[in-house]
PDB file of N, CA and C in Angstrom:
ATOM      1  N   MET A   1     -46.392  92.168  28.253  1.00  0.00           N
ATOM      2  CA  MET A   1     -47.608  93.048  28.216  1.00  0.00           C
ATOM      3  C   MET A   1     -47.230  94.440  28.227  1.00  0.00           C
ATOM      4  N   LYS A   2     -46.199  94.287  28.784  1.00  0.00           N
ATOM      5  CA  LYS A   2     -45.663  96.058  28.873  1.00  0.00           C
ATOM      6  C   LYS A   2     -45.456  96.376  27.116  1.00  0.00           C
ATOM      7  N   LYS A   3     -44.721  95.640  26.631  1.00  0.00           N
ATOM      8  CA  LYS A   3     -43.606  95.338  25.336  1.00  0.00           C
ATOM      9  C   LYS A   3     -45.627  95.647  24.577  1.00  0.00           C
ATOM     10  N   ILE A   4     -46.218  94.692  24.901  1.00  0.00           N
ATOM     11  CA  ILE A   4     -46.858  94.604  23.446  1.00  0.00           C
ATOM     12  C   ILE A   4     -48.408  96.104  24.012  1.00  0.00           C
ATOM     13  N   LEU A   5     -48.148  96.508  24.817  1.00  0.00           N
ATOM     14  CA  LEU A   5     -48.876  97.664  25.083  1.00  0.00           C
ATOM     15  C   LEU A   5     -48.014  99.308  24.049  1.00  0.00           C
ATOM     16  N   LEU A   6     -46.726  99.067  25.015  1.00  0.00           N
ATOM     17  CA  LEU A   6     -45.770 100.081  24.301  1.00  0.00           C
ATOM     18  C   LEU A   6     -45.819 100.099  22.557  1.00  0.00           C
ATOM     19  N   SER A   7     -45.961  98.799  22.210  1.00  0.00           N
ATOM     20  CA  SER A   7     -45.536  98.666  20.136  1.00  0.00           C
ATOM     21  C   SER A   7     -47.156  99.603  20.103  1.00  0.00           C
ATOM     22  N   SER A   8     -47.998  98.829  21.026  1.00  0.00           N
ATOM     23  CA  SER A   8     -49.365  99.609  20.796  1.00  0.00           C
ATOM     24  C   SER A   8     -49.728 101.328  20.249  1.00  0.00           C
ATOM     25  N   ILE A   9     -49.234 101.513  21.556  1.00  0.00           N
ATOM     26  CA  ILE A   9     -48.950 102.802  21.433  1.00  0.00           C
ATOM     27  C   ILE A   9     -48.316 103.796  19.995  1.00  0.00           C
ATOM     28  N   TYR A  10     -46.811 103.348  20.253  1.00  0.00           N
ATOM     29  CA  TYR A  10     -46.164 103.292  19.281  1.00  0.00           C
ATOM     30  C   TYR A  10     -46.586 103.013  17.861  1.00  0.00           C
ATOM     31  N   PHE A  11     -47.149 102.105  17.367  1.00  0.00           N
ATOM     32  CA  PHE A  11     -48.074 101.821  16.172  1.00  0.00           C
ATOM     33  C   PHE A  11     -49.150 102.750  15.649  1.00  0.00           C
ATOM     34  N   LEU A  12     -50.392 102.957  17.023  1.00  0.00           N
ATOM     35  CA  LEU A  12     -50.914 103.939  16.381  1.00  0.00           C
ATOM     36  C   LEU A  12     -50.768 105.151  16.116  1.00  0.00           C
ATOM     37  N   ALA A  13     -49.752 105.452  17.156  1.00  0.00           N
ATOM     38  CA  ALA A  13     -49.113 107.295  16.604  1.00  0.00           C
ATOM     39  C   ALA A  13     -48.619 107.897  15.688  1.00  0.00           C
ATOM     40  N   CYS A  14     -47.775 106.350  15.365  1.00  0.00           N
ATOM     41  CA  CYS A  14     -47.354 106.214  13.895  1.00  0.00           C
ATOM     42  C   CYS A  14     -48.657 106.459  12.686  1.00  0.00           C
ATOM     43  N   MET A  15     -49.716 105.973  13.363  1.00  0.00           N
ATOM     44  CA  MET A  15     -50.932 105.676  11.870  1.00  0.00           C
ATOM     45  C   MET A  15     -51.050 107.303  11.838  1.00  0.00           C
ATOM     46  N   LEU A  16     -51.159 107.813  12.984  1.00  0.00           N
ATOM     47  CA  LEU A  16     -51.539 109.450  13.427  1.00  0.00           C
ATOM     48  C   LEU A  16     -50.758 110.144  11.884  1.00  0.00           C
ATOM     49  N   SER A  17     -49.327 109.971  11.955  1.00  0.00           N
ATOM     50  CA  SER A  17     -48.643 110.876  10.863  1.00  0.00           C
ATOM     51  C   SER A  17     -48.521 110.338   9.792  1.00  0.00           C
ATOM     52  N   ILE A  18     -48.956 109.120   9.302  1.00  0.00           N
ATOM     53  CA  ILE A  18     -48.500 108.598   7.968  1.00  0.00           C
ATOM     54  C   ILE A  18     -49.805 108.527   7.194  1.00  0.00           C
ATOM     55  N   GLN A  19     -49.629 108.918   5.693  1.00  0.00           N
ATOM     56  CA  GLN A  19     -50.746 109.009   5.060  1.00  0.00           C
ATOM     57  C   GLN A  19     -50.420 108.200   3.298  1.00  0.00           C
ATOM     58  N   ALA A  20     -50.387 106.507   4.109  1.00  0.00           N
ATOM     59  CA  ALA A  20     -50.463 105.486   3.270  1.00  0.00           C
ATOM     60  C   ALA A  20     -51.853 104.786   2.879  1.00  0.00           C
ATOM     61  N   GLN A  21     -51.817 104.410   1.456  1.00  0.00           N
ATOM     62  CA  GLN A  21     -53.053 103.845   1.022  1.00  0.00           C
ATOM     63  C   GLN A  21     -53.117 102.477   1.972  1.00  0.00           C
ATOM     64  N   THR A  22     -51.914 101.675   2.046  1.00  0.00           N
ATOM     65  CA  THR A  22     -52.183 100.061   2.721  1.00  0.00           C
ATOM     66  C   THR A  22     -50.728  99.894   3.766  1.00  0.00           C
ATOM     67  N   LEU A  23     -51.277  99.627   5.385  1.00  0.00           N
ATOM     68  CA  LEU A  23     -50.465  99.104   5.133  1.00  0.00           C
ATOM     69  C   LEU A  23     -50.018  97.747   6.150  1.00  0.00           C
ATOM     70  N   TYR A  24     -48.896  96.966   6.129  1.00  0.00           N
ATOM     71  CA  TYR A  24     -49.115  95.798   6.451  1.00  0.00           C
ATOM     72  C   TYR A  24     -47.560  95.454   7.497  1.00  0.00           C
ATOM     73  N   ASP A  25     -48.545  94.389   8.545  1.00  0.00           N
ATOM     74  CA  ASP A  25     -47.609  94.090   9.625  1.00  0.00           C
ATOM     75  C   ASP A  25     -47.437  92.888  10.063  1.00  0.00           C
ATOM     76  N   VAL A  26     -46.557  92.474  10.923  1.00  0.00           N
ATOM     77  CA  VAL A  26     -46.501  90.821  11.531  1.00  0.00           C
ATOM     78  C   VAL A  26     -46.039  91.034  12.698  1.00  0.00           C
ATOM     79  N   SER A  27     -46.719  89.687  13.834  1.00  0.00           N
ATOM     80  CA  SER A  27     -46.837  89.677  14.919  1.00  0.00           C
ATOM     81  C   SER A  27     -45.738  88.793  15.234  1.00  0.00           C
ATOM     82  N   ALA A  28     -44.969  88.027  16.090  1.00  0.00           N
ATOM     83  CA  ALA A  28     -44.232  87.310  16.646  1.00  0.00           C
ATOM     84  C   ALA A  28     -45.203  86.342  17.100  1.00  0.00           C
ATOM     85  N   ASN A  29     -46.362  86.082  17.798  1.00  0.00           N
ATOM     86  CA  ASN A  29     -47.455  85.516  18.361  1.00  0.00           C
ATOM     87  C   ASN A  29     -48.765  86.058  18.692  1.00  0.00           C
ATOM     88  N   GLY A  30     -49.493  85.123  18.755  1.00  0.00           N
ATOM     89  CA  GLY A  30     -51.190  85.599  18.502  1.00  0.00           C
ATOM     90  C   GLY A  30     -51.867  84.758  17.142  1.00  0.00           C
ATOM     91  N   GLY A  31     -52.899  84.919  17.004  1.00  0.00           N
ATOM     92  CA  GLY A  31     -53.876  85.018  15.658  1.00  0.00           C
ATOM     93  C   GLY A  31     -54.413  83.486  16.217  1.00  0.00           C
ATOM     94  N   ASN A  32     -54.742  82.749  15.213  1.00  0.00           N
ATOM     95  CA  ASN A  32     -55.848  81.447  15.529  1.00  0.00           C
ATOM     96  C   ASN A  32     -55.102  80.186  16.279  1.00  0.00           C
ATOM     97  N   TYR A  33     -53.743  80.266  15.464  1.00  0.00           N
ATOM     98  CA  TYR A  33     -52.956  79.118  16.142  1.00  0.00           C
ATOM     99  C   TYR A  33     -51.155  79.859  16.913  1.00  0.00           C
ATOM    100  N   GLY A  34     -51.249  80.777  17.496  1.00  0.00           N
ATOM    101  CA  GLY A  34     -50.385  81.007  18.073  1.00  0.00           C
ATOM    102  C   GLY A  34     -49.133  80.871  17.792  1.00  0.00           C
ATOM    103  N   GLY A  35     -48.917  80.844  16.702  1.00  0.00           N
ATOM    104  CA  GLY A  35     -47.519  81.313  16.021  1.00  0.00           C
ATOM    105  C   GLY A  35     -47.305  82.819  14.915  1.00  0.00           C
ATOM    106  N   GLY A  36     -48.046  83.556  15.590  1.00  0.00           N
ATOM    107  CA  GLY A  36     -48.303  84.697  14.542  1.00  0.00           C
ATOM    108  C   GLY A  36     -48.858  85.483  13.279  1.00  0.00           C
ATOM    109  N   THR A  37     -49.285  86.218  12.820  1.00  0.00           N
ATOM    110  CA  THR A  37     -49.585  87.187  12.195  1.00  0.00           C
ATOM    111  C   THR A  37     -48.925  87.927  10.866  1.00  0.00           C
ATOM    112  N   ILE A  38     -49.825  87.768   9.700  1.00  0.00           N
ATOM    113  CA  ILE A  38     -50.032  89.193   8.792  1.00  0.00           C
ATOM    114  C   ILE A  38     -51.048  90.249   8.869  1.00  0.00           C
ATOM    115  N   ASN A  39     -51.027  91.309   9.307  1.00  0.00           N
ATOM    116  CA  ASN A  39     -51.981  91.615   9.276  1.00  0.00           C
ATOM    117  C   ASN A  39     -51.674  93.147   7.995  1.00  0.00           C
ATOM    118  N   LYS A  40     -53.263  93.140   8.011  1.00  0.00           N
ATOM    119  CA  LYS A  40     -52.953  94.775   6.721  1.00  0.00           C
ATOM    120  C   LYS A  40     -54.184  95.674   7.317  1.00  0.00           C
ATOM    121  N   PHE A  41     -53.941  96.820   7.427  1.00  0.00           N
ATOM    122  CA  PHE A  41     -54.437  98.156   7.482  1.00  0.00           C
ATOM    123  C   PHE A  41     -54.348  98.915   6.720  1.00  0.00           C
ATOM    124  N   VAL A  42     -56.311  99.908   6.610  1.00  0.00           N
ATOM    125  CA  VAL A  42     -56.194 100.658   5.462  1.00  0.00           C
ATOM    126  C   VAL A  42     -56.457 102.082   6.529  1.00  0.00           C
ATOM    127  N   PRO A  43     -55.692 102.872   6.511  1.00  0.00           N
ATOM    128  CA  PRO A  43     -56.246 103.956   6.995  1.00  0.00           C
ATOM    129  C   PRO A  43     -57.901 105.283   6.819  1.00  0.00           C
ATOM    130  N   ALA A  44     -57.706 105.366   5.545  1.00  0.00           N
ATOM    131  CA  ALA A  44     -58.729 105.692   5.239  1.00  0.00           C
ATOM    132  C   ALA A  44     -60.202 105.022   6.095  1.00  0.00           C
ATOM    133  N   THR A  45     -60.663 104.055   5.936  1.00  0.00           N
ATOM    134  CA  THR A  45     -61.614 103.042   6.462  1.00  0.00           C
ATOM    135  C   THR A  45     -61.017 102.661   8.005  1.00  0.00           C
ATOM    136  N   ASN A  46     -59.645 102.351   8.576  1.00  0.00           N
ATOM    137  CA  ASN A  46     -59.594 101.752   9.717  1.00  0.00           C
ATOM    138  C   ASN A  46     -60.329 100.640  10.204  1.00  0.00           C
ATOM    139  N   ASN A  47     -59.297  99.884   8.695  1.00  0.00           N
ATOM    140  CA  ASN A  47     -60.285  98.504   8.533  1.00  0.00           C
ATOM    141  C   ASN A  47     -58.644  97.600   9.018  1.00  0.00           C
ATOM    142  N   LEU A  48     -58.774  97.143  10.058  1.00  0.00           N
ATOM    143  CA  LEU A  48     -57.577  96.013   9.971  1.00  0.00           C
ATOM    144  C   LEU A  48     -58.079  94.606   9.920  1.00  0.00           C
ATOM    145  N   THR A  49     -57.163  93.465   8.774  1.00  0.00           N
ATOM    146  CA  THR A  49     -57.496  92.608   8.749  1.00  0.00           C
ATOM    147  C   THR A  49     -55.930  91.688   9.089  1.00  0.00           C
ATOM    148  N   VAL A  50     -56.527  90.525   9.197  1.00  0.00           N
ATOM    149  CA  VAL A  50     -55.466  89.866   9.673  1.00  0.00           C
ATOM    150  C   VAL A  50     -55.558  88.622   8.431  1.00  0.00           C
ATOM    151  N   LEU A  51     -53.901  88.785   7.651  1.00  0.00           N
ATOM    152  CA  LEU A  51     -54.048  88.301   6.139  1.00  0.00           C
ATOM    153  C   LEU A  51     -53.872  86.407   6.696  1.00  0.00           C
ATOM    154  N   LYS A  52     -53.032  86.112   7.485  1.00  0.00           N
ATOM    155  CA  LYS A  52     -52.674  84.735   7.934  1.00  0.00           C
ATOM    156  C   LYS A  52     -52.011  85.139   9.096  1.00  0.00           C
ATOM    157  N   SER A  53     -52.508  83.960   9.669  1.00  0.00           N
ATOM    158  CA  SER A  53     -52.246  83.160  11.037  1.00  0.00           C
ATOM    159  C   SER A  53     -50.871  81.915  10.795  1.00  0.00           C
ATOM    160  N   PHE A  54     -50.188  81.823  11.656  1.00  0.00           N
ATOM    161  CA  PHE A  54     -49.327  81.011  11.414  1.00  0.00           C
ATOM    162  C   PHE A  54     -49.548  79.828  12.493  1.00  0.00           C
ATOM    163  N   GLU A  55     -48.740  78.964  12.826  1.00  0.00           N
ATOM    164  CA  GLU A  55     -49.071  78.011  13.402  1.00  0.00           C
ATOM    165  C   GLU A  55     -47.775  77.997  14.064  1.00  0.00           C
ATOM    166  N   SER A  56     -48.043  77.381  15.745  1.00  0.00           N
ATOM    167  CA  SER A  56     -46.423  77.386  16.667  1.00  0.00           C
ATOM    168  C   SER A  56     -46.532  76.743  16.694  1.00  0.00           C
ATOM    169  N   ILE A  57     -45.172  76.354  15.761  1.00  0.00           N
ATOM    170  CA  ILE A  57     -44.176  74.743  15.993  1.00  0.00           C
ATOM    171  C   ILE A  57     -42.958  75.158  16.261  1.00  0.00           C
ATOM    172  N   ALA A  58     -42.787  76.015  16.057  1.00  0.00           N
ATOM    173  CA  ALA A  58     -41.284  76.571  17.145  1.00  0.00           C
ATOM    174  C   ALA A  58     -41.111  76.514  18.754  1.00  0.00           C
ATOM    175  N   TYR A  59     -40.262  75.726  19.065  1.00  0.00           N
ATOM    176  CA  TYR A  59     -39.952  75.104  20.188  1.00  0.00           C
ATOM    177  C   TYR A  59     -39.576  76.282  20.920  1.00  0.00           C
ATOM    178  N   ASN A  60     -38.744  77.007  20.110  1.00  0.00           N
ATOM    179  CA  ASN A  60     -37.841  78.285  20.485  1.00  0.00           C
ATOM    180  C   ASN A  60     -38.066  79.800  19.884  1.00  0.00           C
ATOM    181  N   PRO A  61     -38.708  80.632  20.275  1.00  0.00           N
ATOM    182  CA  PRO A  61     -39.965  81.434  19.327  1.00  0.00           C
ATOM    183  C   PRO A  61     -38.557  82.726  18.660  1.00  0.00           C
ATOM    184  N   TYR A  62     -37.469  82.533  18.940  1.00  0.00           N
ATOM    185  CA  TYR A  62     -35.950  83.261  18.184  1.00  0.00           C
ATOM    186  C   TYR A  62     -35.920  82.686  17.055  1.00  0.00           C
ATOM    187  N   TYR A  63     -36.370  81.608  17.142  1.00  0.00           N
ATOM    188  CA  TYR A  63     -35.660  80.063  15.986  1.00  0.00           C
ATOM    189  C   TYR A  63     -36.503  79.944  15.042  1.00  0.00           C
ATOM    190  N   THR A  64     -36.673  80.183  14.005  1.00  0.00           N
ATOM    191  CA  THR A  64     -37.596  79.133  13.194  1.00  0.00           C
ATOM    192  C   THR A  64     -37.215  78.725  11.601  1.00  0.00           C
ATOM    193  N   ASN A  65     -38.078  77.669  11.317  1.00  0.00           N
ATOM    194  CA  ASN A  65     -37.667  76.933   9.915  1.00  0.00           C
ATOM    195  C   ASN A  65     -38.357  78.028   8.627  1.00  0.00           C
ATOM    196  N   PHE A  66     -37.911  78.245   7.484  1.00  0.00           N
ATOM    197  CA  PHE A  66     -38.693  78.913   6.801  1.00  0.00           C
ATOM    198  C   PHE A  66     -40.415  77.988   6.074  1.00  0.00           C
ATOM    199  N   ILE A  67     -41.259  78.109   5.693  1.00  0.00           N
ATOM    200  CA  ILE A  67     -42.382  77.321   5.384  1.00  0.00           C
ATOM    201  C   ILE A  67     -42.073  77.485   3.838  1.00  0.00           C
ATOM    202  N   GLN A  68     -42.519  76.879   3.309  1.00  0.00           N
ATOM    203  CA  GLN A  68     -42.542  76.705   1.350  1.00  0.00           C
ATOM    204  C   GLN A  68     -44.524  76.452   1.302  1.00  0.00           C
ATOM    205  N   ALA A  69     -44.589  78.001   0.481  1.00  0.00           N
ATOM    206  CA  ALA A  69     -46.214  77.951   0.086  1.00  0.00           C
ATOM    207  C   ALA A  69     -46.423  76.931  -1.055  1.00  0.00           C
ATOM    208  N   SER A  70     -47.307  76.714  -1.352  1.00  0.00           N
ATOM    209  CA  SER A  70     -47.587  75.714  -2.863  1.00  0.00           C
ATOM    210  C   SER A  70     -47.341  76.712  -4.159  1.00  0.00           C
ATOM    211  N   ASP A  71     -46.540  78.136  -3.683  1.00  0.00           N
ATOM    212  CA  ASP A  71     -46.508  78.678  -5.226  1.00  0.00           C
ATOM    213  C   ASP A  71     -44.969  78.254  -5.053  1.00  0.00           C
ATOM    214  N   GLY A  72     -44.845  77.535  -4.286  1.00  0.00           N
ATOM    215  CA  GLY A  72     -42.830  77.176  -4.388  1.00  0.00           C
ATOM    216  C   GLY A  72     -42.348  78.516  -3.733  1.00  0.00           C
ATOM    217  N   LYS A  73     -42.153  79.367  -3.420  1.00  0.00           N
ATOM    218  CA  LYS A  73     -41.854  80.418  -2.461  1.00  0.00           C
ATOM    219  C   LYS A  73     -41.862  79.936  -1.189  1.00  0.00           C
ATOM    220  N   LEU A  74     -41.045  81.033  -0.392  1.00  0.00           N
ATOM    221  CA  LEU A  74     -40.243  79.952   0.956  1.00  0.00           C
ATOM    222  C   LEU A  74     -40.624  81.430   1.741  1.00  0.00           C
ATOM    223  N   TYR A  75     -40.904  81.388   2.830  1.00  0.00           N
ATOM    224  CA  TYR A  75     -41.912  82.145   3.980  1.00  0.00           C
ATOM    225  C   TYR A  75     -41.039  82.662   5.035  1.00  0.00           C
ATOM    226  N   GLY A  76     -41.181  82.830   5.483  1.00  0.00           N
ATOM    227  CA  GLY A  76     -39.963  82.861   7.247  1.00  0.00           C
ATOM    228  C   GLY A  76     -40.946  84.666   8.176  1.00  0.00           C
ATOM    229  N   MET A  77     -40.520  84.462   9.444  1.00  0.00           N
ATOM    230  CA  MET A  77     -40.699  85.857   9.874  1.00  0.00           C
ATOM    231  C   MET A  77     -39.388  85.952  10.246  1.00  0.00           C
ATOM    232  N   THR A  78     -38.569  87.267  10.637  1.00  0.00           N
ATOM    233  CA  THR A  78     -37.814  87.215  12.037  1.00  0.00           C
ATOM    234  C   THR A  78     -38.256  88.693  13.132  1.00  0.00           C
TER     235      THR A  78
END
């Protein structure tokens, strides 16, 4: 819990100093299925959107396999 809080505070502090159009980030857990998310943040509108929720299929959160999407590309998180 402490790590999540510190990460959130750091993320918000960086947001105040960054003048980017769109920012993307990933989380290692959470989302609809508990396997992490890919998020999109637009600073101009303060809009945070979850682009993808991953399934929690790994027994060990530090080791996961690649997932092949319908477009043939491999995706994974570290």
